[in-house]
Protein backbone atom coordinates (compact mmCIF):
# COMPACT_ATOMS: atom_id res chain seq x y z
CA MET A 1 3.70 65.83 -64.44
CA ALA A 2 7.41 65.89 -63.57
CA ASN A 3 9.62 67.52 -66.18
CA TYR A 4 12.76 65.54 -66.74
CA TYR A 5 14.85 68.39 -68.09
CA THR A 6 14.01 70.99 -65.44
CA ASP A 7 13.91 68.56 -62.49
CA HIS A 8 17.08 66.64 -63.37
CA PRO A 9 19.47 68.91 -65.32
CA GLU A 10 22.57 66.90 -64.33
CA ILE A 11 21.07 63.72 -65.79
CA ALA A 12 19.78 65.57 -68.85
CA PHE A 13 23.30 66.87 -69.49
CA HIS A 14 24.51 63.32 -70.18
CA LEU A 15 21.86 62.75 -72.84
CA GLU A 16 23.59 65.43 -74.95
CA HIS A 17 27.01 63.74 -75.03
CA PRO A 18 28.64 63.63 -78.51
CA LEU A 19 28.82 59.81 -78.44
CA MET A 20 25.01 59.63 -78.27
CA LYS A 21 24.74 60.28 -82.00
CA ARG A 22 26.79 57.17 -82.81
CA ILE A 23 24.93 55.14 -80.17
CA VAL A 24 21.53 56.03 -81.61
CA GLU A 25 22.71 55.45 -85.18
CA LEU A 26 23.88 51.92 -84.30
CA LYS A 27 20.94 51.09 -82.01
CA GLU A 28 18.39 52.19 -84.62
CA ARG A 29 20.30 50.71 -87.59
CA ASN A 30 19.73 53.79 -89.75
CA TYR A 31 16.15 54.11 -88.46
CA ALA A 32 14.91 51.09 -90.37
CA ASP A 33 12.16 50.40 -87.79
CA ALA A 34 10.39 53.68 -88.65
CA LYS A 35 8.71 52.01 -91.62
CA GLN A 36 7.16 49.30 -89.46
CA TYR A 37 6.61 50.73 -85.96
CA ASP A 38 4.76 53.93 -85.11
CA ASP A 39 6.90 54.62 -82.03
CA ALA A 40 10.23 54.15 -83.85
CA PRO A 41 12.23 57.36 -84.49
CA VAL A 42 12.87 58.68 -88.00
CA ASN A 43 16.13 60.48 -87.12
CA TYR A 44 18.48 61.34 -84.26
CA GLU A 45 16.48 64.32 -83.03
CA ASP A 46 13.32 62.22 -82.99
CA ALA A 47 15.10 59.49 -80.99
CA ILE A 48 16.32 61.98 -78.36
CA GLU A 49 12.84 63.46 -78.05
CA ASN A 50 11.48 59.94 -77.54
CA TYR A 51 14.03 59.33 -74.77
CA LYS A 52 13.00 62.59 -73.07
CA ARG A 53 9.34 61.62 -73.27
CA ILE A 54 10.00 58.24 -71.63
CA LEU A 55 12.13 59.87 -68.94
CA ASP A 56 9.32 62.35 -68.27
CA ILE A 57 6.88 59.47 -67.81
CA ALA A 58 9.29 57.73 -65.44
CA GLY A 59 9.86 60.98 -63.53
CA ASP A 60 6.12 61.37 -63.07
CA ILE A 61 5.64 57.80 -61.81
CA THR A 62 8.63 57.91 -59.46
CA ALA A 63 7.58 61.25 -57.96
CA ASN A 64 3.87 60.51 -57.60
CA ILE A 65 3.64 56.75 -57.02
CA ILE A 66 6.90 54.96 -56.20
CA ALA A 67 8.39 57.54 -53.80
CA PRO A 68 5.14 58.00 -51.81
CA ASN A 69 4.82 54.19 -51.56
CA SER A 70 8.40 53.65 -50.39
CA GLU A 71 7.83 54.01 -46.65
CA ALA A 72 4.91 51.57 -46.61
CA VAL A 73 6.91 49.08 -48.68
CA ASP A 74 9.87 49.37 -46.31
CA GLN A 75 7.61 48.63 -43.33
CA GLU A 76 5.58 45.79 -44.88
CA GLY A 77 8.09 43.98 -47.11
CA PRO A 78 7.33 40.72 -48.94
CA HIS A 79 5.55 37.74 -47.34
CA LEU A 80 6.06 33.98 -47.53
CA ILE A 81 2.73 32.11 -47.89
CA ASP A 82 2.55 28.41 -48.84
CA ASN A 83 6.09 28.36 -50.26
CA ARG A 84 5.41 31.38 -52.47
CA MET A 85 6.68 34.95 -52.20
CA HIS A 86 4.06 37.71 -52.15
CA TYR A 87 5.16 41.31 -52.71
CA ALA A 88 4.19 44.13 -50.35
CA SER A 89 0.89 45.60 -51.48
CA LYS A 90 2.43 48.92 -52.54
CA THR A 91 5.11 47.05 -54.52
CA LEU A 92 2.29 45.56 -56.57
CA GLU A 93 1.06 49.10 -57.22
CA ASN A 94 4.54 50.10 -58.38
CA ILE A 95 4.78 47.13 -60.75
CA GLU A 96 1.37 47.84 -62.21
CA ALA A 97 2.18 51.54 -62.67
CA THR A 98 5.38 50.77 -64.59
CA ARG A 99 3.54 48.19 -66.68
CA GLN A 100 0.77 50.65 -67.54
CA ALA A 101 3.44 53.19 -68.50
CA GLY A 102 5.18 50.70 -70.78
CA LEU A 103 8.47 50.78 -68.84
CA TRP A 104 9.34 47.12 -69.45
CA GLY A 105 11.36 45.52 -72.23
CA ILE A 106 13.53 48.64 -72.15
CA SER A 107 16.50 47.34 -74.15
CA MET A 108 14.75 44.73 -76.31
CA PRO A 109 14.15 45.12 -80.07
CA ARG A 110 10.71 46.32 -81.16
CA ARG A 111 10.01 43.06 -82.99
CA TYR A 112 9.63 41.39 -79.57
CA GLY A 113 7.56 44.23 -78.10
CA GLY A 114 10.51 46.13 -76.60
CA LEU A 115 11.42 49.83 -76.56
CA ASN A 116 14.91 49.41 -78.10
CA LEU A 117 16.43 51.97 -75.71
CA PRO A 118 20.19 52.26 -75.15
CA ASN A 119 21.86 51.44 -71.82
CA VAL A 120 22.40 55.15 -71.19
CA VAL A 121 18.64 55.72 -71.01
CA PHE A 122 18.07 52.48 -69.08
CA SER A 123 20.62 53.73 -66.52
CA MET A 124 18.84 57.07 -66.30
CA LEU A 125 15.54 55.32 -65.66
CA SER A 126 17.25 53.10 -63.06
CA GLU A 127 18.66 56.14 -61.32
CA LEU A 128 15.27 57.86 -61.14
CA ILE A 129 13.55 54.73 -59.79
CA ALA A 130 16.32 54.01 -57.27
CA ALA A 131 16.11 57.55 -55.89
CA ALA A 132 12.42 56.88 -55.21
CA ASP A 133 12.84 53.32 -53.85
CA ALA A 134 16.08 51.37 -54.16
CA GLY A 135 14.35 48.07 -53.34
CA PHE A 136 11.85 48.48 -56.14
CA GLN A 137 14.64 49.37 -58.54
CA ASN A 138 15.98 45.85 -57.94
CA ILE A 139 12.70 44.24 -59.00
CA TRP A 140 12.27 46.50 -62.02
CA SER A 141 15.86 46.55 -63.26
CA LEU A 142 16.25 42.76 -63.20
CA GLN A 143 14.37 42.83 -66.49
CA SER A 144 17.87 43.40 -67.91
CA CYS A 145 18.51 39.66 -67.41
CA ILE A 146 16.62 39.27 -70.68
CA ASP A 147 19.66 40.77 -72.45
CA THR A 148 21.58 37.57 -71.69
CA LEU A 149 18.78 35.39 -73.01
CA TYR A 150 18.58 37.59 -76.11
CA GLU A 151 22.33 37.33 -76.69
CA PHE A 152 22.82 33.62 -76.04
CA GLY A 153 19.42 31.94 -76.35
CA ASN A 154 18.00 30.64 -79.63
CA GLU A 155 15.29 32.35 -81.68
CA GLU A 156 12.56 30.07 -80.35
CA GLN A 157 13.48 31.06 -76.78
CA ARG A 158 13.59 34.74 -77.74
CA GLN A 159 10.11 34.62 -79.20
CA LYS A 160 8.82 32.63 -76.23
CA TYR A 161 10.22 34.73 -73.36
CA ILE A 162 11.13 38.24 -74.49
CA PRO A 163 7.53 39.41 -75.21
CA ARG A 164 6.56 38.32 -71.70
CA ILE A 165 9.24 40.53 -70.15
CA CYS A 166 8.22 43.40 -72.42
CA ALA A 167 4.68 42.96 -71.06
CA GLY A 168 5.94 43.31 -67.48
CA GLU A 169 6.78 39.83 -66.20
CA THR A 170 9.65 39.70 -63.73
CA MET A 171 13.09 38.05 -63.81
CA SER A 172 15.83 36.83 -61.52
CA MET A 173 19.31 35.38 -61.86
CA ASP A 174 19.80 32.36 -59.64
CA LEU A 175 23.54 32.10 -59.08
CA THR A 176 24.49 31.98 -55.39
CA GLU A 177 24.27 28.87 -53.21
CA PRO A 178 24.81 28.25 -49.48
CA ASP A 179 28.36 27.01 -50.16
CA ALA A 180 29.06 29.21 -53.18
CA GLY A 181 28.92 32.94 -52.50
CA SER A 182 31.40 34.95 -54.54
CA ASP A 183 33.14 31.72 -55.60
CA LEU A 184 30.64 30.62 -58.25
CA GLN A 185 32.91 27.80 -59.41
CA ARG A 186 31.61 25.91 -56.37
CA VAL A 187 27.98 25.95 -57.60
CA MET A 188 26.55 22.42 -57.27
CA LEU A 189 22.83 22.74 -58.16
CA LYS A 190 22.47 19.70 -60.38
CA ALA A 191 21.18 19.73 -63.97
CA THR A 192 20.39 16.38 -65.60
CA PHE A 193 18.92 15.76 -69.02
CA ASP A 194 15.54 14.01 -69.05
CA GLU A 195 15.60 11.86 -72.20
CA LYS A 196 11.95 10.90 -71.89
CA GLU A 197 10.63 14.48 -71.64
CA ASN A 198 13.44 15.96 -73.78
CA CYS A 199 14.21 18.64 -71.20
CA TRP A 200 16.62 19.40 -68.37
CA ARG A 201 15.78 18.88 -64.70
CA LEU A 202 17.21 21.01 -61.89
CA ASN A 203 17.71 19.86 -58.30
CA GLY A 204 19.29 21.69 -55.38
CA VAL A 205 19.22 24.92 -53.41
CA LYS A 206 19.90 28.55 -54.32
CA ARG A 207 20.36 31.22 -51.65
CA PHE A 208 20.32 35.03 -51.53
CA ILE A 209 18.38 35.22 -54.79
CA THR A 210 17.08 38.73 -55.43
CA ASN A 211 13.45 38.66 -56.60
CA GLY A 212 13.74 34.90 -56.27
CA ASP A 213 10.11 33.97 -56.98
CA SER A 214 10.10 35.79 -60.32
CA ASP A 215 8.30 34.67 -63.47
CA ILE A 216 11.41 33.73 -65.46
CA HIS A 217 14.76 32.71 -63.98
CA LEU A 218 18.24 32.37 -65.44
CA VAL A 219 19.87 29.60 -63.41
CA LEU A 220 23.53 28.58 -63.11
CA ALA A 221 23.73 24.81 -62.63
CA ARG A 222 26.21 21.93 -62.91
CA SER A 223 25.42 19.97 -66.06
CA GLU A 224 28.64 17.95 -66.29
CA GLU A 225 28.72 15.10 -63.82
CA GLY A 226 31.98 14.64 -61.93
CA THR A 227 33.20 18.22 -62.44
CA ARG A 228 34.10 20.58 -59.60
CA ASP A 229 34.99 23.85 -61.35
CA GLY A 230 33.50 26.46 -63.68
CA ARG A 231 33.95 24.30 -66.77
CA GLY A 232 31.10 22.05 -65.68
CA LEU A 233 28.51 24.81 -65.33
CA SER A 234 25.77 25.77 -67.79
CA MET A 235 23.01 28.37 -67.91
CA PHE A 236 19.34 27.37 -67.84
CA ILE A 237 15.97 29.07 -68.24
CA TYR A 238 13.35 28.19 -65.64
CA ASP A 239 9.72 29.23 -66.19
CA LYS A 240 7.69 29.58 -63.00
CA ARG A 241 4.61 28.39 -64.90
CA ASN A 242 6.13 24.90 -65.00
CA GLY A 243 6.46 24.63 -61.20
CA GLY A 244 9.11 22.63 -59.36
CA VAL A 245 10.64 25.45 -57.29
CA ASP A 246 9.58 26.38 -53.76
CA VAL A 247 10.56 29.45 -51.75
CA ARG A 248 11.86 28.04 -48.47
CA HIS A 249 12.76 31.31 -46.82
CA ILE A 250 12.70 35.10 -47.37
CA GLU A 251 15.65 36.84 -45.74
CA ASN A 252 14.98 39.48 -43.08
CA LYS A 253 17.40 42.14 -44.27
CA LEU A 254 18.89 45.38 -43.00
CA GLY A 255 17.62 47.34 -46.00
CA ILE A 256 15.97 47.22 -49.45
CA HIS A 257 13.00 45.63 -47.69
CA GLY A 258 10.74 45.73 -50.74
CA SER A 259 13.15 43.55 -52.72
CA PRO A 260 12.58 39.89 -51.76
CA THR A 261 15.77 37.90 -51.17
CA CYS A 262 14.86 34.23 -51.32
CA GLU A 263 16.18 30.77 -50.62
CA LEU A 264 14.89 28.48 -53.37
CA VAL A 265 14.55 24.71 -53.46
CA TYR A 266 14.61 23.14 -56.92
CA LYS A 267 12.82 19.79 -57.02
CA ASN A 268 13.16 18.17 -60.41
CA ALA A 269 12.24 21.50 -61.97
CA LYS A 270 11.88 21.54 -65.75
CA ALA A 271 14.31 23.87 -67.51
CA GLU A 272 15.74 24.78 -70.91
CA LEU A 273 19.41 25.09 -71.75
CA CYS A 274 20.41 28.65 -72.66
CA GLY A 275 23.23 28.61 -75.20
CA ASN A 276 25.82 25.84 -74.98
CA THR A 277 26.75 23.55 -72.11
CA ARG A 278 29.90 24.35 -70.12
CA MET A 279 29.70 28.06 -70.99
CA GLY A 280 27.46 29.09 -68.07
CA LEU A 281 30.10 30.68 -65.85
CA ILE A 282 32.86 31.21 -68.37
CA LYS A 283 30.79 33.36 -70.73
CA TYR A 284 27.12 33.85 -69.86
CA VAL A 285 27.36 34.76 -66.17
CA MET A 286 30.11 37.25 -66.97
CA ALA A 287 27.75 39.01 -69.40
CA LEU A 288 24.91 38.79 -66.89
CA MET A 289 27.01 40.18 -64.05
CA ASN A 290 28.43 43.08 -66.07
CA GLY A 291 24.89 44.19 -66.88
CA ALA A 292 23.86 43.81 -63.24
CA ARG A 293 26.90 45.78 -62.06
CA LEU A 294 25.98 48.69 -64.29
CA GLY A 295 22.50 48.48 -62.76
CA ILE A 296 23.94 48.70 -59.23
CA ALA A 297 26.05 51.69 -60.27
CA ALA A 298 22.84 53.44 -61.40
CA GLN A 299 21.06 52.34 -58.22
CA SER A 300 23.92 53.78 -56.17
CA VAL A 301 23.83 57.13 -57.99
CA GLY A 302 20.06 57.34 -57.42
CA VAL A 303 20.49 56.86 -53.67
CA GLU A 304 23.44 59.29 -53.62
CA GLN A 305 21.17 61.91 -55.17
CA GLU A 306 18.38 61.33 -52.69
CA ALA A 307 20.75 61.32 -49.70
CA TYR A 308 22.23 64.61 -50.88
CA ASN A 309 18.73 66.05 -51.35
CA GLU A 310 17.76 65.04 -47.81
CA GLY A 311 20.95 66.43 -46.27
CA LEU A 312 20.71 69.70 -48.19
CA ALA A 313 17.04 70.26 -47.36
CA TYR A 314 17.59 69.59 -43.66
CA ALA A 315 20.69 71.82 -43.48
CA LYS A 316 18.74 74.70 -45.03
CA GLU A 317 15.96 74.41 -42.44
CA ARG A 318 17.74 73.40 -39.24
CA ALA A 319 18.97 76.24 -37.01
CA GLN A 320 21.51 75.93 -34.21
CA PHE A 321 23.16 78.72 -32.17
CA GLY A 322 20.99 81.23 -34.01
CA LYS A 323 22.15 80.24 -37.50
CA LYS A 324 21.08 77.77 -40.20
CA ILE A 325 23.48 74.83 -40.03
CA ILE A 326 24.16 75.07 -43.77
CA THR A 327 26.34 78.10 -42.93
CA PHE A 328 28.65 76.00 -40.71
CA PRO A 329 31.91 74.96 -42.46
CA ALA A 330 31.69 71.43 -41.05
CA VAL A 331 28.26 71.02 -42.67
CA TYR A 332 28.91 72.64 -46.05
CA ASP A 333 32.16 70.70 -46.26
CA MET A 334 30.11 67.48 -46.02
CA LEU A 335 27.50 68.70 -48.48
CA SER A 336 30.06 69.82 -51.04
CA ARG A 337 31.83 66.45 -50.88
CA MET A 338 28.52 64.62 -51.22
CA LYS A 339 27.66 66.65 -54.33
CA ALA A 340 31.14 66.24 -55.83
CA LYS A 341 31.05 62.46 -55.41
CA LEU A 342 27.56 62.39 -56.87
CA ASP A 343 28.53 64.38 -59.97
CA ALA A 344 31.77 62.47 -60.55
CA GLY A 345 30.12 59.11 -59.93
CA ARG A 346 27.27 59.93 -62.30
CA SER A 347 29.74 60.96 -65.00
CA LEU A 348 31.56 57.65 -64.56
CA LEU A 349 28.25 55.76 -64.72
CA TYR A 350 27.16 57.32 -68.00
CA GLN A 351 30.59 57.12 -69.60
CA THR A 352 30.53 53.38 -68.83
CA ALA A 353 26.99 53.05 -70.18
CA ARG A 354 28.01 54.76 -73.43
CA TYR A 355 30.91 52.36 -73.90
CA VAL A 356 28.60 49.40 -73.24
CA ASP A 357 26.05 50.75 -75.73
CA LEU A 358 28.61 51.10 -78.49
CA TYR A 359 30.09 47.63 -78.25
CA LYS A 360 26.74 45.92 -77.61
CA ALA A 361 25.13 47.58 -80.62
CA LEU A 362 28.00 46.56 -82.89
CA GLU A 363 27.94 43.05 -81.43
CA ASP A 364 24.21 42.84 -82.17
CA ILE A 365 24.71 44.00 -85.76
CA SER A 366 27.43 41.37 -86.23
CA ARG A 367 24.83 38.63 -85.64
CA ASP A 368 23.05 39.67 -88.83
CA GLN A 369 25.82 40.97 -91.06
CA LYS A 370 29.57 41.09 -91.34
CA LEU A 371 31.15 44.12 -89.74
CA THR A 372 33.58 46.27 -91.70
CA PRO A 373 37.22 46.26 -90.50
CA GLU A 374 36.60 49.74 -89.01
CA GLU A 375 33.53 48.51 -87.16
CA ARG A 376 35.43 45.51 -85.80
CA GLN A 377 38.11 47.84 -84.46
CA GLU A 378 35.44 50.08 -82.98
CA MET A 379 33.79 47.12 -81.25
CA LYS A 380 37.14 45.92 -79.90
CA LYS A 381 37.96 49.39 -78.56
CA TYR A 382 34.66 49.89 -76.74
CA THR A 383 34.54 46.31 -75.44
CA ARG A 384 37.88 46.92 -73.76
CA LEU A 385 36.79 50.29 -72.37
CA ALA A 386 33.47 48.90 -71.08
CA ASP A 387 35.29 46.01 -69.41
CA ALA A 388 37.72 48.43 -67.74
CA PHE A 389 35.14 51.00 -66.66
CA THR A 390 32.42 48.66 -65.33
CA PRO A 391 34.25 47.60 -62.12
CA LEU A 392 35.11 51.25 -61.47
CA ALA A 393 31.53 52.43 -61.98
CA LYS A 394 30.02 49.72 -59.79
CA GLY A 395 32.63 49.67 -57.06
CA ILE A 396 33.22 53.37 -56.54
CA ASN A 397 29.57 54.43 -56.84
CA SER A 398 28.49 51.79 -54.34
CA GLU A 399 31.11 53.16 -51.93
CA TYR A 400 30.01 56.75 -52.59
CA ALA A 401 26.39 55.79 -51.90
CA ASN A 402 27.40 54.42 -48.49
CA GLN A 403 29.49 57.48 -47.68
CA THR A 404 26.83 59.94 -48.84
CA ALA A 405 24.03 58.17 -46.95
CA TYR A 406 26.24 58.16 -43.84
CA ASP A 407 26.89 61.90 -44.19
CA ALA A 408 23.17 62.61 -44.67
CA ILE A 409 22.54 61.11 -41.22
CA SER A 410 25.42 63.12 -39.77
CA ILE A 411 23.88 66.35 -41.09
CA HIS A 412 20.56 65.39 -39.48
CA GLY A 413 22.30 64.76 -36.14
CA GLY A 414 20.12 62.83 -33.69
CA SER A 415 17.12 63.16 -35.98
CA GLY A 416 18.93 61.09 -38.59
CA PHE A 417 18.87 58.16 -36.19
CA ILE A 418 15.08 58.35 -35.87
CA MET A 419 13.07 56.00 -38.04
CA GLU A 420 10.62 58.73 -39.12
CA TYR A 421 13.34 60.39 -41.22
CA LYS A 422 14.17 59.04 -44.67
CA SER A 423 17.95 59.26 -44.15
CA GLN A 424 18.04 56.10 -42.03
CA ARG A 425 16.30 54.11 -44.81
CA LEU A 426 18.71 55.39 -47.44
CA PHE A 427 21.60 54.40 -45.17
CA ARG A 428 20.19 50.91 -44.64
CA ASP A 429 19.44 50.47 -48.35
CA ALA A 430 22.87 51.66 -49.48
CA ARG A 431 24.81 49.15 -47.38
CA ILE A 432 24.13 46.25 -49.74
CA PHE A 433 25.35 48.06 -52.86
CA SER A 434 29.04 47.40 -52.15
CA ILE A 435 28.27 43.74 -51.36
CA TYR A 436 25.94 42.22 -53.94
CA GLU A 437 26.74 41.62 -57.61
CA GLY A 438 30.38 41.40 -56.58
CA THR A 439 31.80 43.11 -53.50
CA THR A 440 34.05 46.14 -53.89
CA GLN A 441 36.96 43.80 -53.25
CA LEU A 442 35.92 41.79 -56.30
CA GLN A 443 35.64 44.99 -58.36
CA VAL A 444 39.24 45.68 -57.38
CA VAL A 445 40.18 42.19 -58.60
CA ALA A 446 38.39 42.87 -61.90
CA ALA A 447 40.11 46.25 -62.32
CA ILE A 448 43.64 45.45 -61.16
CA ARG A 449 44.89 43.99 -64.46
CA TYR A 450 43.91 47.23 -66.20
CA ILE A 451 45.87 49.10 -63.54
CA THR A 452 49.02 47.02 -63.75
CA ASN A 453 49.06 46.71 -67.56
CA GLY A 454 48.76 50.47 -68.02
CA THR A 455 45.28 50.59 -69.57
CA TYR A 456 43.91 53.18 -67.13
CA LEU A 457 47.15 55.16 -67.32
CA SER A 458 46.81 55.38 -71.11
CA ILE A 459 43.19 56.52 -70.72
CA MET A 460 44.26 59.23 -68.27
CA LYS A 461 47.00 60.52 -70.55
CA GLU A 462 44.64 60.59 -73.51
CA MET A 463 42.08 62.52 -71.47
CA LEU A 464 44.76 65.02 -70.41
CA GLU A 465 45.52 65.74 -74.07
CA GLY A 466 41.89 66.14 -75.13
CA GLU A 467 40.27 69.45 -76.02
CA LEU A 468 38.35 71.26 -73.30
CA ALA A 469 35.18 73.18 -74.16
CA CYS A 470 36.57 76.21 -72.32
CA ASP A 471 39.92 77.24 -70.80
CA CYS A 472 38.33 77.82 -67.39
CA MET A 473 39.13 74.23 -66.40
CA LYS A 474 42.69 74.08 -67.75
CA GLY A 475 44.34 75.00 -64.46
CA LEU A 476 42.38 72.31 -62.65
CA ARG A 477 43.36 69.72 -65.23
CA ASP A 478 47.04 70.70 -64.85
CA ARG A 479 46.73 69.84 -61.16
CA VAL A 480 45.32 66.42 -62.07
CA ALA A 481 48.27 65.89 -64.44
CA ARG A 482 50.56 66.00 -61.39
CA LEU A 483 48.42 63.33 -59.77
CA VAL A 484 48.81 61.15 -62.86
CA GLU A 485 52.60 61.33 -62.40
CA LEU A 486 52.27 60.12 -58.80
CA TYR A 487 49.88 57.40 -59.96
CA GLU A 488 52.33 56.17 -62.60
CA GLU A 489 55.13 56.00 -60.02
CA SER A 490 52.88 54.04 -57.66
CA VAL A 491 51.89 51.52 -60.35
CA GLU A 492 55.55 51.02 -61.27
CA LYS A 493 56.46 50.50 -57.61
CA VAL A 494 53.77 47.84 -57.15
CA ASN A 495 54.62 46.13 -60.44
CA ALA A 496 58.24 45.87 -59.32
CA GLU A 497 57.25 44.00 -56.16
CA GLU A 498 57.66 40.24 -56.52
CA ASN A 499 55.36 39.27 -53.67
CA GLN A 500 51.72 38.60 -54.66
CA ASP A 501 50.44 39.41 -51.17
CA VAL A 502 51.91 42.90 -51.46
CA HIS A 503 50.22 43.32 -54.86
CA ASP A 504 46.89 42.25 -53.40
CA PHE A 505 47.27 44.39 -50.28
CA LEU A 506 48.03 47.59 -52.21
CA ALA A 507 45.50 46.93 -54.99
CA ARG A 508 42.65 48.77 -53.23
CA ARG A 509 44.72 51.94 -52.93
CA LEU A 510 45.62 51.83 -56.61
CA TYR A 511 41.95 51.26 -57.44
CA ASN A 512 40.86 54.27 -55.39
CA MET A 513 43.57 56.41 -57.00
CA THR A 514 42.36 55.29 -60.44
CA ALA A 515 38.77 56.28 -59.65
CA ASP A 516 39.90 59.61 -58.16
CA ILE A 517 41.83 60.60 -61.26
CA ILE A 518 39.39 59.37 -63.90
CA GLY A 519 36.50 60.86 -61.93
CA SER A 520 38.36 64.18 -61.77
CA LEU A 521 39.08 64.23 -65.49
CA LEU A 522 35.50 63.32 -66.42
CA LEU A 523 34.10 66.00 -64.11
CA ILE A 524 36.52 68.60 -65.48
CA GLU A 525 35.30 67.82 -69.01
CA ASP A 526 31.70 68.19 -67.82
CA ALA A 527 32.45 71.46 -66.02
CA ALA A 528 34.11 72.89 -69.13
CA LYS A 529 30.84 72.31 -71.03
CA ALA A 530 28.42 73.26 -68.24
CA PRO A 531 30.23 75.27 -65.53
CA GLU A 532 26.90 76.36 -64.04
CA LEU A 533 26.21 72.71 -63.18
CA PHE A 534 29.63 71.23 -62.39
CA LYS A 535 32.32 73.86 -61.76
CA LYS A 536 32.02 73.80 -57.97
CA SER A 537 31.94 70.01 -57.85
CA ALA A 538 34.97 69.75 -60.13
CA ASN A 539 37.01 71.99 -57.82
CA VAL A 540 35.89 70.11 -54.71
CA PHE A 541 36.45 66.67 -56.24
CA VAL A 542 39.97 67.52 -57.44
CA ARG A 543 40.77 68.73 -53.91
CA MET A 544 39.56 65.37 -52.59
CA ALA A 545 41.56 63.52 -55.24
CA GLU A 546 44.71 65.43 -54.36
CA GLU A 547 44.25 64.51 -50.72
CA GLU A 548 43.76 60.79 -51.41
CA VAL A 549 46.15 60.27 -54.33
CA THR A 550 49.02 62.12 -52.66
CA GLY A 551 48.55 60.19 -49.43
CA SER A 552 48.19 56.84 -51.16
CA ALA A 553 51.26 57.49 -53.33
CA ALA A 554 53.34 58.22 -50.21
CA TYR A 555 51.95 55.10 -48.53
CA ILE A 556 52.83 52.87 -51.50
CA LYS A 557 56.26 54.45 -51.99
CA ASP A 558 57.36 53.62 -48.45
CA PHE A 559 55.60 50.25 -48.14
CA THR A 560 57.80 47.18 -47.63
CA LEU A 561 57.22 43.45 -47.40
CA GLU A 562 58.05 43.65 -43.69
CA ASP A 563 55.15 46.07 -43.20
CA LEU A 564 52.74 43.39 -44.37
CA ASN A 565 53.32 41.28 -41.26
CA ASN A 566 51.96 44.09 -39.08
CA PHE A 567 48.58 43.85 -40.80
CA LYS A 568 48.08 40.09 -40.76
CA ALA A 569 45.33 39.05 -38.37
CA VAL A 570 46.71 35.52 -38.05
CA ASP A 571 49.92 33.75 -38.90
CA ASP A 572 50.02 32.01 -42.27
CA GLU A 573 48.16 28.71 -42.24
CA PRO A 574 47.38 26.22 -44.96
CA VAL A 575 43.97 26.85 -46.54
CA GLU A 576 41.63 23.85 -46.75
CA ALA A 577 40.03 23.08 -50.10
């Protein structure tokens, strides 16, 4: 059996973070479940041991079932038969293995049959599964859609649907349509209330739906006749058992072949309203998407790890000109950057997950009892931090996954281009990460207000003033402090510009600078606690940050409105509605 702590020390490190004690305390509500459920922890130490046990089980399944199945799944993929999606045969094995292991209902309360695990542990499980098969991680991790139903559905819906997910039924979120990609305000799938049957009916088409023939769907649909924007959209629950939805097409994709991407046709399909009308996009989809984006961040880190593993193993074995290629500066430069991005990206992932855990746990408690003024302030603080960190974690890790998978092929040389090697599959799988659940450009849009209003800058300055576990990292942090000065000057320069196009054009550089600096500071903190794991990566990552932040600061400093015209592909034209 795989041992989580010895096989994955970098992941295990994040389970020991000081914030975990508060997370567990809130999630377990002073360990009240211990009186009623045999698997509920009696104290913090017991909870951590339970997390380790579950991670060990997942490590065993990923190493011995999911990873060995991944090549066959990639080659077979799902099938369309009589308007139904059928998983690849080895995907069915993966689903059954995770069901037998009890790895469903991860975040749900025990009263519904769930495991009541925090997002930090869910992200760790996601990372392990994604490293074995990124496509299967999609199918498995979409169980997190149940969080939205738990938060906004009524108690009858919770009791009806949550136990089914905890037992291993699958989920999907049906948002995108042929004419509504990233612009979800254009969703037109029609929802009408059936007075006779006392239910809602859905009609229309959804496209690019991941795991689209799942057991339970959360569907964004237009409930308010005559509306054209987000205020007319509501969220609905569709149960496959009721019928009314056909799979018209399964996309033939570049990567993640085991994950079915479907075009769905709703034909008077029976559905239930989730929450209140008109709140579908404004409130519920935002919650759904933030959870999904954290899932993609974990998926990205998993693939980063596997791409690094493949590149490292090949470089150790491959000889050229009488020497192992791992001794060549060009190769170990690539490998060191891959590892540095992996360690910094993972630190960003788990810091985000901790913030999400804290505010979600307090939010959940507030449904049953009034929070104290201190708890309300705590929830407000971590809600803001989670909202700021999520677009960084998703966007930058999805980019790192693409870069790391690309470099893994480069290390393999011509062999990396051959289908028999895993690197090509990792490269194909990674390409979607910076596209779905909001492109990197949309993560920039989500993050930019926290850049321009000084939120990230305040976080950086606070991190610079924090205590380090050892002085060995102080010199490195002083170098990052100089980058923060350049960053502040760059933000001020962009804020002073009065042209919105200039703001939008330079936003990506500010976003990258933000991720560079926060990633550096997080990795420095980690290296101060565990230099044997992270010291090298911290030094390499800060070097990379200096290179990018210094260059971007110079670029922004000298940028003018006139420069913008040189980049425009076409002259300004009126945009049609």
